[in-house]
C-alpha atoms as a PDB file:
ATOM      1  CA  GLN A   1      11.686  11.463  -3.049  1.00  0.00           C
ATOM      2  CA  VAL A   2       8.450   9.619  -3.733  1.00  0.00           C
ATOM      3  CA  GLN A   3       7.859   8.650  -7.341  1.00  0.00           C
ATOM      4  CA  LEU A   4       5.030   6.728  -8.959  1.00  0.00           C
ATOM      5  CA  VAL A   5       5.345   5.918 -12.652  1.00  0.00           C
ATOM      6  CA  GLU A   6       2.463   4.378 -14.567  1.00  0.00           C
ATOM      7  CA  SER A   7       2.728   2.512 -17.850  1.00  0.00           C
ATOM      8  CA  GLY A   8       0.790   0.024 -19.925  1.00  0.00           C
ATOM      9  CA  GLY A   9      -1.976   2.219 -21.276  1.00  0.00           C
ATOM     10  CA  GLY A  10      -2.995   2.225 -24.906  1.00  0.00           C
ATOM     11  CA  SER A  11      -5.833   1.899 -27.372  1.00  0.00           C
ATOM     12  CA  VAL A  12      -7.948  -1.232 -27.617  1.00  0.00           C
ATOM     13  CA  GLN A  13     -11.294  -2.277 -28.997  1.00  0.00           C
ATOM     14  CA  ALA A  14     -14.215  -3.043 -26.733  1.00  0.00           C
ATOM     15  CA  GLY A  15     -13.847  -6.458 -25.177  1.00  0.00           C
ATOM     16  CA  GLY A  16     -10.075  -6.245 -25.151  1.00  0.00           C
ATOM     17  CA  SER A  17      -7.620  -6.257 -22.275  1.00  0.00           C
ATOM     18  CA  LEU A  18      -4.826  -4.113 -20.940  1.00  0.00           C
ATOM     19  CA  ARG A  19      -2.497  -4.396 -17.964  1.00  0.00           C
ATOM     20  CA  LEU A  20      -1.371  -1.259 -16.211  1.00  0.00           C
ATOM     21  CA  PHE A  21       1.784  -0.999 -14.156  1.00  0.00           C
ATOM     22  CA  CYS A  22       2.749   1.438 -11.413  1.00  0.00           C
ATOM     23  CA  ALA A  23       6.368   1.351 -10.347  1.00  0.00           C
ATOM     24  CA  THR A  24       7.114   3.143  -7.079  1.00  0.00           C
ATOM     25  CA  SER A  25      10.186   4.439  -5.311  1.00  0.00           C
ATOM     26  CA  GLY A  26      10.850   6.459  -2.212  1.00  0.00           C
ATOM     27  CA  ILE A  27       8.179   4.761  -0.087  1.00  0.00           C
ATOM     28  CA  ILE A  28       8.081   1.672   2.065  1.00  0.00           C
ATOM     29  CA  PHE A  29       5.887   0.031  -0.535  1.00  0.00           C
ATOM     30  CA  SER A  30       4.986  -3.083   1.423  1.00  0.00           C
ATOM     31  CA  ILE A  31       3.184  -1.202   4.209  1.00  0.00           C
ATOM     32  CA  ASN A  32       1.147   1.102   2.013  1.00  0.00           C
ATOM     33  CA  ALA A  33      -2.271   0.621   0.518  1.00  0.00           C
ATOM     34  CA  MET A  34      -2.175   1.384  -3.190  1.00  0.00           C
ATOM     35  CA  ARG A  35      -4.957   2.724  -5.341  1.00  0.00           C
ATOM     36  CA  TRP A  36      -5.850   3.152  -8.976  1.00  0.00           C
ATOM     37  CA  TYR A  37      -7.993   6.107  -9.984  1.00  0.00           C
ATOM     38  CA  ARG A  38      -9.224   7.242 -13.362  1.00  0.00           C
ATOM     39  CA  GLN A  39     -10.429  10.493 -14.850  1.00  0.00           C
ATOM     40  CA  ALA A  40     -12.455  10.726 -18.019  1.00  0.00           C
ATOM     41  CA  PRO A  41     -12.745  14.002 -19.966  1.00  0.00           C
ATOM     42  CA  GLY A  42     -15.118  16.391 -18.234  1.00  0.00           C
ATOM     43  CA  LYS A  43     -15.550  14.098 -15.230  1.00  0.00           C
ATOM     44  CA  GLN A  44     -14.181  13.969 -11.710  1.00  0.00           C
ATOM     45  CA  ARG A  45     -11.411  11.592 -10.805  1.00  0.00           C
ATOM     46  CA  GLU A  46     -12.884   8.368  -9.438  1.00  0.00           C
ATOM     47  CA  LEU A  47     -11.475   5.520  -7.390  1.00  0.00           C
ATOM     48  CA  VAL A  48     -11.258   2.309  -9.384  1.00  0.00           C
ATOM     49  CA  ALA A  49      -9.510  -0.194  -7.110  1.00  0.00           C
ATOM     50  CA  VAL A  50      -7.636  -0.470  -3.823  1.00  0.00           C
ATOM     51  CA  ILE A  51      -5.242  -3.071  -2.478  1.00  0.00           C
ATOM     52  CA  THR A  52      -4.133  -3.001   1.147  1.00  0.00           C
ATOM     53  CA  SER A  53      -0.726  -3.932   2.476  1.00  0.00           C
ATOM     54  CA  GLY A  54      -2.208  -7.305   3.387  1.00  0.00           C
ATOM     55  CA  GLY A  55      -3.546  -7.887  -0.097  1.00  0.00           C
ATOM     56  CA  SER A  56      -7.229  -7.189   0.497  1.00  0.00           C
ATOM     57  CA  THR A  57      -8.908  -5.602  -2.485  1.00  0.00           C
ATOM     58  CA  ASN A  58     -11.913  -3.455  -3.218  1.00  0.00           C
ATOM     59  CA  TYR A  59     -13.363  -2.237  -6.506  1.00  0.00           C
ATOM     60  CA  ALA A  60     -15.740   0.319  -7.904  1.00  0.00           C
ATOM     61  CA  ASP A  61     -19.028  -1.314  -8.877  1.00  0.00           C
ATOM     62  CA  SER A  62     -18.459  -0.342 -12.504  1.00  0.00           C
ATOM     63  CA  VAL A  63     -15.338  -2.527 -12.796  1.00  0.00           C
ATOM     64  CA  LYS A  64     -16.112  -5.450 -10.482  1.00  0.00           C
ATOM     65  CA  GLY A  65     -15.591  -8.765 -12.190  1.00  0.00           C
ATOM     66  CA  ARG A  66     -13.570  -7.175 -15.005  1.00  0.00           C
ATOM     67  CA  PHE A  67     -10.587  -5.509 -13.314  1.00  0.00           C
ATOM     68  CA  THR A  68      -8.067  -7.040 -10.923  1.00  0.00           C
ATOM     69  CA  ILE A  69      -5.607  -5.105  -8.777  1.00  0.00           C
ATOM     70  CA  SER A  70      -2.498  -6.856  -7.517  1.00  0.00           C
ATOM     71  CA  ARG A  71       0.893  -6.006  -6.097  1.00  0.00           C
ATOM     72  CA  ASP A  72       4.428  -7.327  -6.045  1.00  0.00           C
ATOM     73  CA  ASN A  73       6.175  -6.056  -2.927  1.00  0.00           C
ATOM     74  CA  ALA A  74       9.530  -7.363  -4.125  1.00  0.00           C
ATOM     75  CA  LYS A  75       9.261  -5.125  -7.198  1.00  0.00           C
ATOM     76  CA  ASN A  76       7.523  -2.186  -5.485  1.00  0.00           C
ATOM     77  CA  THR A  77       4.929  -2.383  -8.212  1.00  0.00           C
ATOM     78  CA  VAL A  78       1.144  -2.426  -8.340  1.00  0.00           C
ATOM     79  CA  TYR A  79      -0.817  -3.709 -11.321  1.00  0.00           C
ATOM     80  CA  LEU A  80      -4.277  -3.293 -12.765  1.00  0.00           C
ATOM     81  CA  GLN A  81      -5.432  -6.059 -15.077  1.00  0.00           C
ATOM     82  CA  MET A  82      -8.356  -4.789 -17.126  1.00  0.00           C
ATOM     83  CA  ASN A  83     -10.468  -7.285 -19.072  1.00  0.00           C
ATOM     84  CA  SER A  84     -13.680  -6.962 -21.059  1.00  0.00           C
ATOM     85  CA  LEU A  85     -12.965  -3.290 -21.562  1.00  0.00           C
ATOM     86  CA  LYS A  86     -15.816  -0.967 -22.479  1.00  0.00           C
ATOM     87  CA  PRO A  87     -15.790   2.458 -24.165  1.00  0.00           C
ATOM     88  CA  GLU A  88     -16.825   3.975 -20.832  1.00  0.00           C
ATOM     89  CA  ASP A  89     -13.518   2.779 -19.364  1.00  0.00           C
ATOM     90  CA  THR A  90     -11.756   5.371 -21.513  1.00  0.00           C
ATOM     91  CA  ALA A  91      -9.844   7.670 -19.155  1.00  0.00           C
ATOM     92  CA  VAL A  92      -6.453   8.614 -17.832  1.00  0.00           C
ATOM     93  CA  TYR A  93      -5.539   6.116 -15.124  1.00  0.00           C
ATOM     94  CA  TYR A  94      -3.529   7.237 -12.119  1.00  0.00           C
ATOM     95  CA  CYS A  95      -1.691   5.352  -9.426  1.00  0.00           C
ATOM     96  CA  ASN A  96      -1.952   6.717  -5.888  1.00  0.00           C
ATOM     97  CA  ALA A  97      -0.248   6.181  -2.567  1.00  0.00           C
ATOM     98  CA  ALA A  98      -1.159   7.957   0.644  1.00  0.00           C
ATOM     99  CA  VAL A  99       1.900   8.210   2.871  1.00  0.00           C
ATOM    100  CA  LEU A 100       1.581   9.793   6.317  1.00  0.00           C
ATOM    101  CA  GLY A 101      -1.464  11.727   5.170  1.00  0.00           C
ATOM    102  CA  VAL A 102       0.114  12.975   1.946  1.00  0.00           C
ATOM    103  CA  ASP A 103      -1.248  11.851  -1.412  1.00  0.00           C
ATOM    104  CA  TYR A 104       1.247  10.984  -4.114  1.00  0.00           C
ATOM    105  CA  TRP A 105       0.270  10.558  -7.753  1.00  0.00           C
ATOM    106  CA  GLY A 106       1.844   9.341 -10.909  1.00  0.00           C
ATOM    107  CA  GLN A 107       1.647  11.205 -14.201  1.00  0.00           C
ATOM    108  CA  GLY A 108      -1.141   8.983 -15.485  1.00  0.00           C
ATOM    109  CA  THR A 109      -1.477   6.647 -18.442  1.00  0.00           C
ATOM    110  CA  GLN A 110      -4.141   6.994 -21.135  1.00  0.00           C
ATOM    111  CA  VAL A 111      -6.545   4.142 -21.813  1.00  0.00           C
ATOM    112  CA  THR A 112      -8.779   4.464 -24.861  1.00  0.00           C
ATOM    113  CA  VAL A 113     -11.441   1.875 -25.669  1.00  0.00           C
ATOM    114  CA  SER A 114     -13.183   2.075 -29.014  1.00  0.00           C
ATOM    115  CA  SER A 115     -16.533   0.500 -29.846  1.00  0.00           C
END
């Protein structure tokens, strides 16, 4: 059974930092690309960052230079380091893995940035 469990969200002031965690089980983590998405109230879910099995990364323009995605294959965990947070980063953040054409999601973790 595939499980993705996010943690690390919270409330911070603008300019602050948070680190999100996504612990996975039930997948061969090391061969899967992993993604972080976010969904703000009233908006569509958007892709924030991707890391491939080889460690290549890609980011949404809105977070480039502020967010860093990384992975630890030994711990089956993917991270999202978020610095210089802005109020517009407020959203529920979701971890995603696509395995054999099937999307798996975690339950999400709330990030709230106040001005």
